[in-house]
């Protein structure tokens, strides 16, 4: 079953957007992830922002925007490192596999 774009406007937008990416629908996922990142930038909780930026990086990578993906991943890593989030190691592992 293909995920519905309408469902992605809920609080589960990041999960829905990643499902869209994994179904080859990055063109629909990217605006959702960019909106989520923009919304989180208005707050002061850097961990969710870092995670959202990495999700955006992943979507960019899958859509073929390699340079933009690396820039977002680096920004995500900086935020998550600042928060001492252990997910940084996983980000490093994933980025290492990007060609």
Protein backbone atom coordinates (compact mmCIF):
# COMPACT_ATOMS: atom_id res chain seq x y z
CA UNK A 1 0.00 0.00 0.00
CA UNK A 2 1.37 3.41 -0.97
CA UNK A 3 1.41 6.07 1.77
CA UNK A 4 -0.94 8.97 1.28
CA UNK A 5 0.56 12.45 1.08
CA UNK A 6 -2.42 13.82 3.04
CA UNK A 7 -1.53 11.67 6.05
CA UNK A 8 1.92 13.23 6.09
CA UNK A 9 0.52 16.54 7.30
CA UNK A 10 -0.07 15.06 10.73
CA UNK A 11 2.41 14.91 13.61
CA UNK A 12 3.89 11.82 11.96
CA UNK A 13 5.11 13.86 8.99
CA UNK A 14 8.74 12.74 9.20
CA UNK A 15 7.82 9.06 9.25
CA UNK A 16 5.38 9.50 6.38
CA UNK A 17 7.89 11.51 4.37
CA UNK A 18 10.54 8.83 4.82
CA UNK A 19 8.03 6.21 3.69
CA UNK A 20 7.40 8.30 0.59
CA UNK A 21 11.15 8.46 -0.06
CA UNK A 22 11.47 4.71 0.32
CA UNK A 23 8.64 4.29 -2.22
CA UNK A 24 10.51 6.44 -4.76
CA UNK A 25 8.37 9.52 -4.15
CA UNK A 26 11.05 11.98 -3.01
CA UNK A 27 9.38 14.76 -4.99
CA UNK A 28 6.46 14.56 -2.55
CA UNK A 29 8.58 13.98 0.55
CA UNK A 30 11.06 16.82 0.14
CA UNK A 31 8.56 19.67 0.64
CA UNK A 32 7.19 17.96 3.75
CA UNK A 33 10.65 17.52 5.24
CA UNK A 34 11.67 21.08 4.36
CA UNK A 35 8.52 22.39 6.05
CA UNK A 36 9.24 20.28 9.13
CA UNK A 37 12.81 21.59 9.32
CA UNK A 38 11.57 25.17 8.95
CA UNK A 39 9.02 24.65 11.74
CA UNK A 40 11.62 23.12 14.06
CA UNK A 41 14.08 25.96 13.39
CA UNK A 42 11.60 28.30 15.08
CA UNK A 43 11.97 26.36 18.32
CA UNK A 44 14.88 25.73 20.62
CA UNK A 45 14.95 21.94 20.75
CA UNK A 46 17.97 21.02 18.68
CA UNK A 47 17.71 17.22 18.86
CA UNK A 48 14.49 16.98 16.80
CA UNK A 49 15.85 19.62 14.42
CA UNK A 50 19.03 17.61 13.93
CA UNK A 51 17.05 14.45 13.29
CA UNK A 52 14.74 16.24 10.85
CA UNK A 53 17.72 17.69 9.00
CA UNK A 54 19.22 14.23 8.65
CA UNK A 55 15.90 12.90 7.36
CA UNK A 56 15.95 15.72 4.81
CA UNK A 57 19.54 14.80 3.92
CA UNK A 58 18.50 11.20 3.33
CA UNK A 59 15.64 12.30 1.07
CA UNK A 60 17.94 14.60 -0.85
CA UNK A 61 20.46 11.80 -1.28
CA UNK A 62 17.79 9.41 -2.53
CA UNK A 63 16.57 12.03 -5.00
CA UNK A 64 20.07 12.45 -6.44
CA UNK A 65 20.92 15.80 -4.83
CA UNK A 66 24.21 14.54 -3.40
CA UNK A 67 25.85 17.89 -2.54
CA UNK A 68 22.72 19.21 -0.81
CA UNK A 69 22.39 15.90 1.05
CA UNK A 70 25.94 16.12 2.37
CA UNK A 71 25.42 19.74 3.48
CA UNK A 72 22.22 18.85 5.36
CA UNK A 73 23.86 15.78 6.90
CA UNK A 74 26.77 17.90 8.13
CA UNK A 75 24.37 20.43 9.67
CA UNK A 76 22.40 17.62 11.29
CA UNK A 77 25.56 16.06 12.65
CA UNK A 78 26.69 19.40 14.12
CA UNK A 79 23.37 19.88 15.93
CA UNK A 80 23.26 16.32 17.23
CA UNK A 81 26.91 16.41 18.32
CA UNK A 82 26.16 19.60 20.26
CA UNK A 83 23.33 17.71 22.01
CA UNK A 84 25.58 14.66 22.62
CA UNK A 85 23.04 12.52 20.78
CA UNK A 86 24.38 9.00 20.24
CA UNK A 87 22.73 8.84 16.81
CA UNK A 88 25.75 10.72 15.43
CA UNK A 89 27.58 7.40 15.05
CA UNK A 90 24.72 6.06 12.91
CA UNK A 91 24.75 9.22 10.79
CA UNK A 92 28.49 8.76 10.22
CA UNK A 93 27.89 5.15 9.20
CA UNK A 94 25.16 6.08 6.74
CA UNK A 95 27.05 9.01 5.22
CA UNK A 96 30.11 6.80 4.71
CA UNK A 97 27.98 4.65 2.41
CA UNK A 98 26.87 7.57 0.25
CA UNK A 99 28.72 7.66 -3.05
